[in-house]
């Protein structure tokens, strides 16, 4: 059972994520391969290798899942076959 705080690693690159928000146990992939806490290294799907950046939060369109990239990698993050996109940052109010 995945829950907030769970760290997952990619099987195709150096990427690591931490789950921030999750509705249920889901299938998260990176570079076309399932992510896990201790994956065996394998080849990635070339069409799924757009990269993920450290410090960025990734969400699906409905924002039912949110993950934080804690280590950059070459693979793209997917949830149930849907590519996750970077979460828009909120502008802080000015301190004038």
C-alpha atoms as a PDB file:
ATOM      1  CA  UNK A   1       0.000   0.000   0.000  1.00  0.00           C
ATOM      2  CA  UNK A   2       1.479   3.309  -1.062  1.00  0.00           C
ATOM      3  CA  UNK A   3       0.956   6.286   1.204  1.00  0.00           C
ATOM      4  CA  UNK A   4       2.317   9.844   1.487  1.00  0.00           C
ATOM      5  CA  UNK A   5       6.019   9.731   2.302  1.00  0.00           C
ATOM      6  CA  UNK A   6       6.678   6.527   0.332  1.00  0.00           C
ATOM      7  CA  UNK A   7       9.826   6.807  -1.814  1.00  0.00           C
ATOM      8  CA  UNK A   8       9.961   5.044  -5.161  1.00  0.00           C
ATOM      9  CA  UNK A   9      12.865   4.544  -7.569  1.00  0.00           C
ATOM     10  CA  UNK A  10      12.934   4.191 -11.331  1.00  0.00           C
ATOM     11  CA  UNK A  11      14.075   0.948 -12.960  1.00  0.00           C
ATOM     12  CA  UNK A  12      15.348   2.770 -16.078  1.00  0.00           C
ATOM     13  CA  UNK A  13      17.253   5.817 -14.748  1.00  0.00           C
ATOM     14  CA  UNK A  14      18.401   7.569 -11.561  1.00  0.00           C
ATOM     15  CA  UNK A  15      15.003   9.175 -10.852  1.00  0.00           C
ATOM     16  CA  UNK A  16      13.522   8.932  -7.361  1.00  0.00           C
ATOM     17  CA  UNK A  17      10.190  10.329  -6.179  1.00  0.00           C
ATOM     18  CA  UNK A  18       8.355  10.765  -2.904  1.00  0.00           C
ATOM     19  CA  UNK A  19       4.578  10.488  -2.824  1.00  0.00           C
ATOM     20  CA  UNK A  20       2.918  13.661  -1.510  1.00  0.00           C
ATOM     21  CA  UNK A  21      -0.757  12.877  -2.185  1.00  0.00           C
ATOM     22  CA  UNK A  22      -2.359   9.652  -3.376  1.00  0.00           C
ATOM     23  CA  UNK A  23      -5.985   8.517  -3.426  1.00  0.00           C
ATOM     24  CA  UNK A  24      -5.420   4.767  -3.669  1.00  0.00           C
ATOM     25  CA  UNK A  25      -2.741   2.258  -4.522  1.00  0.00           C
ATOM     26  CA  UNK A  26      -1.914   3.044  -8.136  1.00  0.00           C
ATOM     27  CA  UNK A  27       0.511   2.114 -10.876  1.00  0.00           C
ATOM     28  CA  UNK A  28       3.322   4.661 -11.205  1.00  0.00           C
ATOM     29  CA  UNK A  29       5.837   4.225 -14.005  1.00  0.00           C
ATOM     30  CA  UNK A  30       8.994   6.008 -15.102  1.00  0.00           C
ATOM     31  CA  UNK A  31      10.322   5.546 -18.625  1.00  0.00           C
ATOM     32  CA  UNK A  32       7.657   2.926 -19.282  1.00  0.00           C
ATOM     33  CA  UNK A  33       8.640   0.657 -16.359  1.00  0.00           C
ATOM     34  CA  UNK A  34       6.945   0.223 -12.975  1.00  0.00           C
ATOM     35  CA  UNK A  35       8.512   2.185 -10.093  1.00  0.00           C
ATOM     36  CA  UNK A  36       9.214   0.453  -6.780  1.00  0.00           C
ATOM     37  CA  UNK A  37      11.223   0.811  -3.586  1.00  0.00           C
ATOM     38  CA  UNK A  38      13.948  -1.539  -4.884  1.00  0.00           C
ATOM     39  CA  UNK A  39      13.639  -1.960  -8.682  1.00  0.00           C
ATOM     40  CA  UNK A  40      15.839  -4.125 -10.873  1.00  0.00           C
ATOM     41  CA  UNK A  41      17.504  -1.990 -13.564  1.00  0.00           C
ATOM     42  CA  UNK A  42      16.149  -2.438 -17.094  1.00  0.00           C
ATOM     43  CA  UNK A  43      15.763  -0.622 -20.432  1.00  0.00           C
ATOM     44  CA  UNK A  44      13.253   2.206 -20.739  1.00  0.00           C
ATOM     45  CA  UNK A  45      10.750   2.951 -23.486  1.00  0.00           C
ATOM     46  CA  UNK A  46      12.287   5.646 -25.746  1.00  0.00           C
ATOM     47  CA  UNK A  47       8.895   7.399 -26.083  1.00  0.00           C
ATOM     48  CA  UNK A  48       8.712   7.772 -22.278  1.00  0.00           C
ATOM     49  CA  UNK A  49      12.128   9.336 -21.730  1.00  0.00           C
ATOM     50  CA  UNK A  50      11.463  13.092 -21.436  1.00  0.00           C
ATOM     51  CA  UNK A  51      13.028  13.473 -17.999  1.00  0.00           C
ATOM     52  CA  UNK A  52      11.979  14.604 -14.534  1.00  0.00           C
ATOM     53  CA  UNK A  53      13.659  17.334 -12.484  1.00  0.00           C
ATOM     54  CA  UNK A  54      14.695  17.387  -8.842  1.00  0.00           C
ATOM     55  CA  UNK A  55      12.573  19.637  -6.638  1.00  0.00           C
ATOM     56  CA  UNK A  56       9.594  19.675  -9.025  1.00  0.00           C
ATOM     57  CA  UNK A  57       6.158  18.411  -8.055  1.00  0.00           C
ATOM     58  CA  UNK A  58       4.273  16.355 -10.619  1.00  0.00           C
ATOM     59  CA  UNK A  59       0.482  15.881 -10.761  1.00  0.00           C
ATOM     60  CA  UNK A  60      -2.130  14.325 -13.046  1.00  0.00           C
ATOM     61  CA  UNK A  61      -4.824  16.461 -14.713  1.00  0.00           C
ATOM     62  CA  UNK A  62      -7.324  15.797 -11.887  1.00  0.00           C
ATOM     63  CA  UNK A  63      -4.647  16.354  -9.199  1.00  0.00           C
ATOM     64  CA  UNK A  64      -5.617  13.096  -7.472  1.00  0.00           C
ATOM     65  CA  UNK A  65      -1.931  12.196  -7.235  1.00  0.00           C
ATOM     66  CA  UNK A  66       1.055  14.407  -6.450  1.00  0.00           C
ATOM     67  CA  UNK A  67       4.699  13.338  -6.273  1.00  0.00           C
ATOM     68  CA  UNK A  68       7.930  15.202  -5.545  1.00  0.00           C
ATOM     69  CA  UNK A  69      11.021  14.397  -7.598  1.00  0.00           C
ATOM     70  CA  UNK A  70      13.870  13.945  -5.086  1.00  0.00           C
ATOM     71  CA  UNK A  71      16.458  12.800  -7.659  1.00  0.00           C
ATOM     72  CA  UNK A  72      16.465  13.802 -11.343  1.00  0.00           C
ATOM     73  CA  UNK A  73      16.362  11.200 -14.085  1.00  0.00           C
ATOM     74  CA  UNK A  74      15.887  10.686 -17.812  1.00  0.00           C
ATOM     75  CA  UNK A  75      12.505   8.948 -17.574  1.00  0.00           C
ATOM     76  CA  UNK A  76       9.084  10.613 -17.575  1.00  0.00           C
ATOM     77  CA  UNK A  77       6.587   9.928 -14.784  1.00  0.00           C
ATOM     78  CA  UNK A  78       3.266   8.270 -15.623  1.00  0.00           C
ATOM     79  CA  UNK A  79       0.180   7.401 -13.565  1.00  0.00           C
ATOM     80  CA  UNK A  80      -2.200   4.788 -15.028  1.00  0.00           C
ATOM     81  CA  UNK A  81      -0.725   5.499 -18.498  1.00  0.00           C
ATOM     82  CA  UNK A  82      -1.206   9.300 -18.223  1.00  0.00           C
ATOM     83  CA  UNK A  83       1.954  11.425 -18.198  1.00  0.00           C
ATOM     84  CA  UNK A  84       2.282  13.551 -15.060  1.00  0.00           C
ATOM     85  CA  UNK A  85       2.925  17.260 -15.547  1.00  0.00           C
ATOM     86  CA  UNK A  86       4.754  19.752 -13.367  1.00  0.00           C
ATOM     87  CA  UNK A  87       2.530  21.448 -10.834  1.00  0.00           C
ATOM     88  CA  UNK A  88       2.116  25.187 -11.335  1.00  0.00           C
ATOM     89  CA  UNK A  89       3.864  27.180  -8.664  1.00  0.00           C
ATOM     90  CA  UNK A  90       1.803  29.675  -6.744  1.00  0.00           C
ATOM     91  CA  UNK A  91       2.981  33.267  -6.784  1.00  0.00           C
ATOM     92  CA  UNK A  92       3.722  34.563  -3.302  1.00  0.00           C
ATOM     93  CA  UNK A  93       2.115  37.850  -2.266  1.00  0.00           C
ATOM     94  CA  UNK A  94       4.428  40.839  -2.400  1.00  0.00           C
ATOM     95  CA  UNK A  95       5.859  42.070   0.876  1.00  0.00           C
ATOM     96  CA  UNK A  96       5.669  45.779   0.056  1.00  0.00           C
END
